[in-house]
Structures are given as structure tokens and as C-alpha cells.
Amino acid sequence: MIQLLPHMRVFLYITPIDFRCGVDGLAGLCRSRIKQNPMTGAVFAFINRRKTGIKILAYDGQGFWLCYKRLSTGKFRFWPKCEKNLTAPQLQVLLYNGDPDGSRMAPDWRPVQN
């Protein structure tokens, strides 16, 4: 099972892709276009042209996970239009078709009071 943990780096490829790409095609996009090694444990998210589906590529140390979410109705409304870094909790909001910028979340790190 794959989990989105708070410390994971998330890379969004904002340009829609051809969803006929499998693991090898997406890993190639990570290397050539995002300029990241897909085997580092980061999570890579891609969207299709109609914005009805998201594919996520992740490497867990033994192999790749390729996850695909397709909406039964509607489109992903809040896919970023420019490059930006998302946190894992923001990616979870995006996967539920929410606005990651508009969601109010607790800060990633809080100082501990003595």
C-alpha cells in the first residue's frame, strides 16, 4: 500500500499528458521534463487533457506504484496552471477535487512547548 506522508516531496507536471503512458513513459517524463530521478521516493502527479483523470507515479524502494484516479463526473477544477510545490496533504486535497491553495491546514511543524 502506498501512503502520502507529510515528508514526501510532490512534483506536479502541469502540462496534460497522454494517459496511454505507463510506468516507463512517466518515469521518462520525470527524468527529461521535470529533471528529477523518479526512484528517489518523491511522488509525481500528472493530469490528462480533459482534466478528468490524475496519474501518480511513486517508487517505494522495490518498484514503482502507478495510481490512477478518474472522476465519474466532472473535472478536476483546481489543477495548477503554473509550476508550484505542493505538500503531501495538499496533494490529498487536490485528489479529492478540492483547492489545495484554499484549504486551511495545520502547519507541517510546530514548536513543542516545555
N, C-alpha and C. Protein backbone atom coordinates (compact mmCIF):
# COMPACT_ATOMS: atom_id res chain seq x y z
N MET A 1 0.84 -1.17 0.00
CA MET A 1 0.00 0.00 0.00
C MET A 1 0.89 1.24 0.00
N ILE A 2 0.49 2.22 -0.75
CA ILE A 2 1.23 3.47 -0.81
C ILE A 2 0.53 4.50 0.08
N GLN A 3 1.33 5.27 0.78
CA GLN A 3 0.79 6.33 1.63
C GLN A 3 1.45 7.64 1.26
N LEU A 4 0.67 8.70 1.30
CA LEU A 4 1.23 10.04 1.11
C LEU A 4 1.59 10.58 2.49
N LEU A 5 2.88 10.61 2.78
CA LEU A 5 3.37 11.06 4.08
C LEU A 5 3.77 12.52 4.01
N PRO A 6 3.67 13.24 5.12
CA PRO A 6 3.97 14.68 5.12
C PRO A 6 5.37 15.04 4.63
N HIS A 7 6.34 14.16 4.82
CA HIS A 7 7.71 14.50 4.42
C HIS A 7 8.00 14.22 2.94
N MET A 8 7.06 13.64 2.21
CA MET A 8 7.29 13.30 0.81
C MET A 8 7.32 14.57 -0.06
N ARG A 9 8.22 14.57 -1.02
CA ARG A 9 8.24 15.66 -1.99
C ARG A 9 7.24 15.33 -3.09
N VAL A 10 6.49 16.33 -3.52
CA VAL A 10 5.46 16.15 -4.54
C VAL A 10 5.81 17.04 -5.73
N PHE A 11 5.85 16.44 -6.92
CA PHE A 11 6.10 17.18 -8.14
C PHE A 11 4.88 17.05 -9.04
N LEU A 12 4.33 18.20 -9.45
CA LEU A 12 3.20 18.21 -10.38
C LEU A 12 3.72 18.54 -11.77
N TYR A 13 3.32 17.74 -12.73
CA TYR A 13 3.60 18.08 -14.12
C TYR A 13 2.34 18.75 -14.62
N ILE A 14 2.39 20.06 -14.83
CA ILE A 14 1.16 20.82 -15.06
C ILE A 14 0.62 20.68 -16.47
N THR A 15 1.47 20.31 -17.43
CA THR A 15 1.01 20.13 -18.81
C THR A 15 0.29 18.79 -18.92
N PRO A 16 -0.91 18.77 -19.49
CA PRO A 16 -1.62 17.49 -19.65
C PRO A 16 -0.82 16.51 -20.50
N ILE A 17 -0.92 15.23 -20.15
CA ILE A 17 -0.17 14.20 -20.86
C ILE A 17 -1.12 13.18 -21.49
N ASP A 18 -0.57 12.37 -22.36
CA ASP A 18 -1.28 11.25 -22.97
C ASP A 18 -1.33 10.12 -21.95
N PHE A 19 -2.51 9.74 -21.52
CA PHE A 19 -2.61 8.73 -20.46
C PHE A 19 -2.37 7.31 -20.94
N ARG A 20 -1.98 7.13 -22.19
CA ARG A 20 -1.56 5.81 -22.63
C ARG A 20 -0.16 5.49 -22.10
N CYS A 21 0.53 6.50 -21.56
CA CYS A 21 1.86 6.30 -20.96
C CYS A 21 1.73 5.39 -19.74
N GLY A 22 2.64 4.46 -19.64
CA GLY A 22 2.72 3.61 -18.47
C GLY A 22 3.85 4.06 -17.56
N VAL A 23 4.33 3.14 -16.74
CA VAL A 23 5.39 3.46 -15.78
C VAL A 23 6.64 3.97 -16.49
N ASP A 24 7.06 3.29 -17.53
CA ASP A 24 8.30 3.69 -18.21
C ASP A 24 8.16 5.05 -18.88
N GLY A 25 7.03 5.32 -19.50
CA GLY A 25 6.81 6.62 -20.13
C GLY A 25 6.79 7.76 -19.13
N LEU A 26 6.12 7.54 -18.00
CA LEU A 26 6.05 8.57 -16.97
C LEU A 26 7.40 8.77 -16.29
N ALA A 27 8.13 7.68 -16.06
CA ALA A 27 9.47 7.81 -15.49
C ALA A 27 10.38 8.59 -16.43
N GLY A 28 10.22 8.39 -17.73
CA GLY A 28 10.98 9.16 -18.72
C GLY A 28 10.64 10.64 -18.66
N LEU A 29 9.34 10.96 -18.48
CA LEU A 29 8.94 12.37 -18.33
C LEU A 29 9.56 12.98 -17.07
N CYS A 30 9.62 12.21 -16.01
CA CYS A 30 10.23 12.71 -14.78
C CYS A 30 11.69 13.08 -15.02
N ARG A 31 12.40 12.22 -15.74
CA ARG A 31 13.82 12.47 -15.99
C ARG A 31 14.03 13.62 -16.98
N SER A 32 13.27 13.62 -18.09
CA SER A 32 13.55 14.57 -19.15
C SER A 32 12.91 15.94 -18.94
N ARG A 33 11.69 15.98 -18.45
CA ARG A 33 10.99 17.26 -18.35
C ARG A 33 11.03 17.86 -16.95
N ILE A 34 10.84 17.02 -15.93
CA ILE A 34 10.84 17.53 -14.56
C ILE A 34 12.26 17.61 -14.01
N LYS A 35 13.19 16.90 -14.66
CA LYS A 35 14.61 16.87 -14.26
C LYS A 35 14.79 16.29 -12.86
N GLN A 36 14.03 15.24 -12.55
CA GLN A 36 14.12 14.55 -11.26
C GLN A 36 14.24 13.06 -11.50
N ASN A 37 14.96 12.39 -10.62
CA ASN A 37 15.06 10.94 -10.68
C ASN A 37 13.80 10.35 -10.06
N PRO A 38 13.02 9.56 -10.79
CA PRO A 38 11.77 9.03 -10.25
C PRO A 38 11.98 7.97 -9.16
N MET A 39 13.22 7.55 -8.94
CA MET A 39 13.49 6.50 -7.95
C MET A 39 13.96 7.06 -6.61
N THR A 40 13.70 8.35 -6.36
CA THR A 40 14.15 8.97 -5.11
C THR A 40 13.12 8.90 -4.00
N GLY A 41 11.93 8.39 -4.28
CA GLY A 41 10.89 8.34 -3.26
C GLY A 41 9.92 9.50 -3.33
N ALA A 42 10.12 10.39 -4.29
CA ALA A 42 9.18 11.50 -4.49
C ALA A 42 7.93 10.99 -5.18
N VAL A 43 6.89 11.80 -5.13
CA VAL A 43 5.62 11.48 -5.78
C VAL A 43 5.46 12.43 -6.96
N PHE A 44 5.08 11.88 -8.11
CA PHE A 44 4.90 12.66 -9.33
C PHE A 44 3.45 12.53 -9.78
N ALA A 45 2.79 13.68 -9.99
CA ALA A 45 1.39 13.68 -10.38
C ALA A 45 1.23 14.27 -11.78
N PHE A 46 0.36 13.64 -12.57
CA PHE A 46 0.11 14.04 -13.95
C PHE A 46 -1.40 14.09 -14.18
N ILE A 47 -1.84 14.94 -15.11
CA ILE A 47 -3.26 15.04 -15.43
C ILE A 47 -3.45 14.81 -16.93
N ASN A 48 -4.64 14.33 -17.29
CA ASN A 48 -4.92 14.14 -18.72
C ASN A 48 -5.47 15.42 -19.34
N ARG A 49 -5.62 15.42 -20.65
CA ARG A 49 -6.02 16.61 -21.38
C ARG A 49 -7.41 17.10 -20.99
N ARG A 50 -8.34 16.19 -20.75
CA ARG A 50 -9.71 16.59 -20.40
C ARG A 50 -9.87 16.92 -18.91
N LYS A 51 -8.80 16.74 -18.14
CA LYS A 51 -8.79 17.01 -16.70
C LYS A 51 -9.82 16.17 -15.94
N THR A 52 -9.99 14.93 -16.40
CA THR A 52 -10.90 14.01 -15.72
C THR A 52 -10.14 12.93 -14.97
N GLY A 53 -8.82 12.88 -15.15
CA GLY A 53 -8.03 11.84 -14.50
C GLY A 53 -6.67 12.33 -14.05
N ILE A 54 -6.18 11.72 -12.99
CA ILE A 54 -4.84 12.01 -12.47
C ILE A 54 -4.10 10.69 -12.33
N LYS A 55 -2.85 10.67 -12.76
CA LYS A 55 -1.97 9.52 -12.53
C LYS A 55 -0.88 9.96 -11.58
N ILE A 56 -0.55 9.08 -10.64
CA ILE A 56 0.52 9.33 -9.69
C ILE A 56 1.55 8.22 -9.82
N LEU A 57 2.81 8.62 -9.92
CA LEU A 57 3.92 7.68 -10.01
C LEU A 57 4.77 7.83 -8.75
N ALA A 58 5.06 6.72 -8.11
CA ALA A 58 5.90 6.74 -6.90
C ALA A 58 6.74 5.47 -6.89
N TYR A 59 7.93 5.58 -6.30
CA TYR A 59 8.84 4.44 -6.15
C TYR A 59 9.00 4.16 -4.67
N ASP A 60 8.83 2.89 -4.27
CA ASP A 60 8.87 2.55 -2.84
C ASP A 60 10.13 1.81 -2.41
N GLY A 61 11.13 1.76 -3.27
CA GLY A 61 12.37 1.07 -2.93
C GLY A 61 12.46 -0.31 -3.57
N GLN A 62 11.32 -0.89 -3.93
CA GLN A 62 11.31 -2.19 -4.60
C GLN A 62 10.76 -2.10 -6.01
N GLY A 63 9.91 -1.13 -6.24
CA GLY A 63 9.29 -0.99 -7.55
C GLY A 63 8.41 0.25 -7.59
N PHE A 64 7.84 0.45 -8.75
CA PHE A 64 7.00 1.63 -8.97
C PHE A 64 5.54 1.33 -8.65
N TRP A 65 4.88 2.35 -8.12
CA TRP A 65 3.43 2.37 -7.97
C TRP A 65 2.90 3.32 -9.03
N LEU A 66 1.88 2.89 -9.75
CA LEU A 66 1.20 3.76 -10.68
C LEU A 66 -0.26 3.78 -10.28
N CYS A 67 -0.71 4.91 -9.77
CA CYS A 67 -2.08 5.05 -9.30
C CYS A 67 -2.83 5.94 -10.28
N TYR A 68 -4.09 5.61 -10.51
CA TYR A 68 -4.90 6.35 -11.47
C TYR A 68 -6.25 6.64 -10.85
N LYS A 69 -6.63 7.90 -10.84
CA LYS A 69 -7.96 8.29 -10.38
C LYS A 69 -8.67 8.97 -11.52
N ARG A 70 -9.85 8.45 -11.86
CA ARG A 70 -10.68 9.06 -12.89
C ARG A 70 -12.01 9.44 -12.25
N LEU A 71 -12.41 10.68 -12.44
CA LEU A 71 -13.67 11.14 -11.89
C LEU A 71 -14.83 10.54 -12.69
N SER A 72 -15.88 10.14 -12.00
CA SER A 72 -17.05 9.60 -12.69
C SER A 72 -17.85 10.71 -13.35
N THR A 73 -17.85 11.89 -12.75
CA THR A 73 -18.49 13.05 -13.37
C THR A 73 -17.64 14.28 -13.07
N GLY A 74 -17.67 15.24 -13.96
CA GLY A 74 -16.96 16.49 -13.74
C GLY A 74 -15.48 16.42 -14.08
N LYS A 75 -14.79 17.48 -13.70
CA LYS A 75 -13.36 17.62 -13.98
C LYS A 75 -12.64 18.08 -12.72
N PHE A 76 -11.34 17.89 -12.71
CA PHE A 76 -10.51 18.45 -11.64
C PHE A 76 -10.43 19.95 -11.89
N ARG A 77 -11.02 20.73 -11.01
CA ARG A 77 -11.15 22.16 -11.22
C ARG A 77 -9.94 22.97 -10.77
N PHE A 78 -9.15 22.45 -9.89
CA PHE A 78 -8.11 23.25 -9.26
C PHE A 78 -6.70 22.82 -9.64
N TRP A 79 -6.51 22.21 -10.81
CA TRP A 79 -5.16 21.83 -11.24
C TRP A 79 -4.36 23.10 -11.48
N PRO A 80 -3.18 23.23 -10.86
CA PRO A 80 -2.38 24.46 -11.01
C PRO A 80 -2.05 24.77 -12.47
N LYS A 81 -1.98 26.04 -12.78
CA LYS A 81 -1.66 26.49 -14.14
C LYS A 81 -0.18 26.83 -14.28
N CYS A 82 0.54 26.93 -13.17
CA CYS A 82 1.97 27.22 -13.23
C CYS A 82 2.68 26.30 -12.24
N GLU A 83 3.99 26.17 -12.43
CA GLU A 83 4.79 25.29 -11.57
C GLU A 83 4.67 25.73 -10.11
N LYS A 84 4.46 24.78 -9.24
CA LYS A 84 4.41 25.08 -7.81
C LYS A 84 4.71 23.81 -7.03
N ASN A 85 5.18 23.99 -5.84
CA ASN A 85 5.44 22.86 -4.96
C ASN A 85 4.23 22.63 -4.09
N LEU A 86 3.81 21.40 -4.02
CA LEU A 86 2.70 21.03 -3.14
C LEU A 86 3.24 20.13 -2.04
N THR A 87 2.60 20.17 -0.91
CA THR A 87 2.89 19.23 0.16
C THR A 87 2.01 18.00 -0.04
N ALA A 88 2.32 16.93 0.63
CA ALA A 88 1.51 15.72 0.52
C ALA A 88 0.06 15.96 0.95
N PRO A 89 -0.19 16.69 2.06
CA PRO A 89 -1.59 16.97 2.40
C PRO A 89 -2.31 17.79 1.32
N GLN A 90 -1.61 18.72 0.68
CA GLN A 90 -2.24 19.49 -0.40
C GLN A 90 -2.56 18.60 -1.59
N LEU A 91 -1.70 17.61 -1.88
CA LEU A 91 -1.98 16.67 -2.96
C LEU A 91 -3.23 15.86 -2.63
N GLN A 92 -3.39 15.47 -1.38
CA GLN A 92 -4.59 14.73 -1.00
C GLN A 92 -5.84 15.57 -1.22
N VAL A 93 -5.78 16.86 -0.91
CA VAL A 93 -6.92 17.75 -1.16
C VAL A 93 -7.20 17.82 -2.66
N LEU A 94 -6.15 17.94 -3.46
CA LEU A 94 -6.29 18.00 -4.91
C LEU A 94 -6.94 16.73 -5.46
N LEU A 95 -6.55 15.57 -4.91
CA LEU A 95 -7.11 14.30 -5.36
C LEU A 95 -8.60 14.19 -5.04
N TYR A 96 -9.07 14.90 -4.04
CA TYR A 96 -10.49 14.92 -3.71
C TYR A 96 -11.20 16.07 -4.42
N ASN A 97 -10.56 16.62 -5.46
CA ASN A 97 -11.09 17.70 -6.28
C ASN A 97 -11.31 18.97 -5.48
N GLY A 98 -10.45 19.19 -4.51
CA GLY A 98 -10.50 20.42 -3.73
C GLY A 98 -9.41 21.38 -4.14
N ASP A 99 -9.46 22.56 -3.58
CA ASP A 99 -8.48 23.60 -3.88
C ASP A 99 -7.35 23.54 -2.84
N PRO A 100 -6.16 23.09 -3.25
CA PRO A 100 -5.06 22.98 -2.27
C PRO A 100 -4.61 24.32 -1.72
N ASP A 101 -4.79 25.41 -2.49
CA ASP A 101 -4.40 26.73 -2.00
C ASP A 101 -5.45 27.29 -1.04
N GLY A 102 -6.69 26.92 -1.21
CA GLY A 102 -7.76 27.45 -0.38
C GLY A 102 -8.03 26.65 0.88
N SER A 103 -7.38 25.50 1.01
CA SER A 103 -7.62 24.67 2.19
C SER A 103 -6.78 25.18 3.36
N ARG A 104 -7.37 25.16 4.52
CA ARG A 104 -6.64 25.58 5.72
C ARG A 104 -6.18 24.33 6.46
N MET A 105 -4.87 24.20 6.56
CA MET A 105 -4.29 23.04 7.22
C MET A 105 -3.36 23.49 8.33
N ALA A 106 -3.16 22.61 9.26
CA ALA A 106 -2.19 22.90 10.32
C ALA A 106 -0.80 22.99 9.69
N PRO A 107 0.08 23.80 10.26
CA PRO A 107 1.45 23.86 9.72
C PRO A 107 2.13 22.50 9.84
N ASP A 108 3.07 22.25 8.93
CA ASP A 108 3.77 20.97 8.94
C ASP A 108 4.53 20.73 10.24
N TRP A 109 5.16 21.77 10.78
CA TRP A 109 5.95 21.64 12.01
C TRP A 109 5.53 22.70 12.99
N ARG A 110 5.35 22.30 14.21
CA ARG A 110 5.04 23.26 15.28
C ARG A 110 6.03 23.08 16.41
N PRO A 111 6.50 24.16 16.99
CA PRO A 111 7.42 24.01 18.13
C PRO A 111 6.69 23.41 19.33
N VAL A 112 7.40 22.61 20.07
CA VAL A 112 6.84 21.97 21.26
C VAL A 112 7.08 22.89 22.46
N GLN A 113 6.04 23.14 23.21
CA GLN A 113 6.15 23.98 24.40
C GLN A 113 6.63 23.12 25.56
N ASN A 114 7.56 23.65 26.36
CA ASN A 114 8.03 22.93 27.55
C ASN A 114 7.20 23.29 28.76
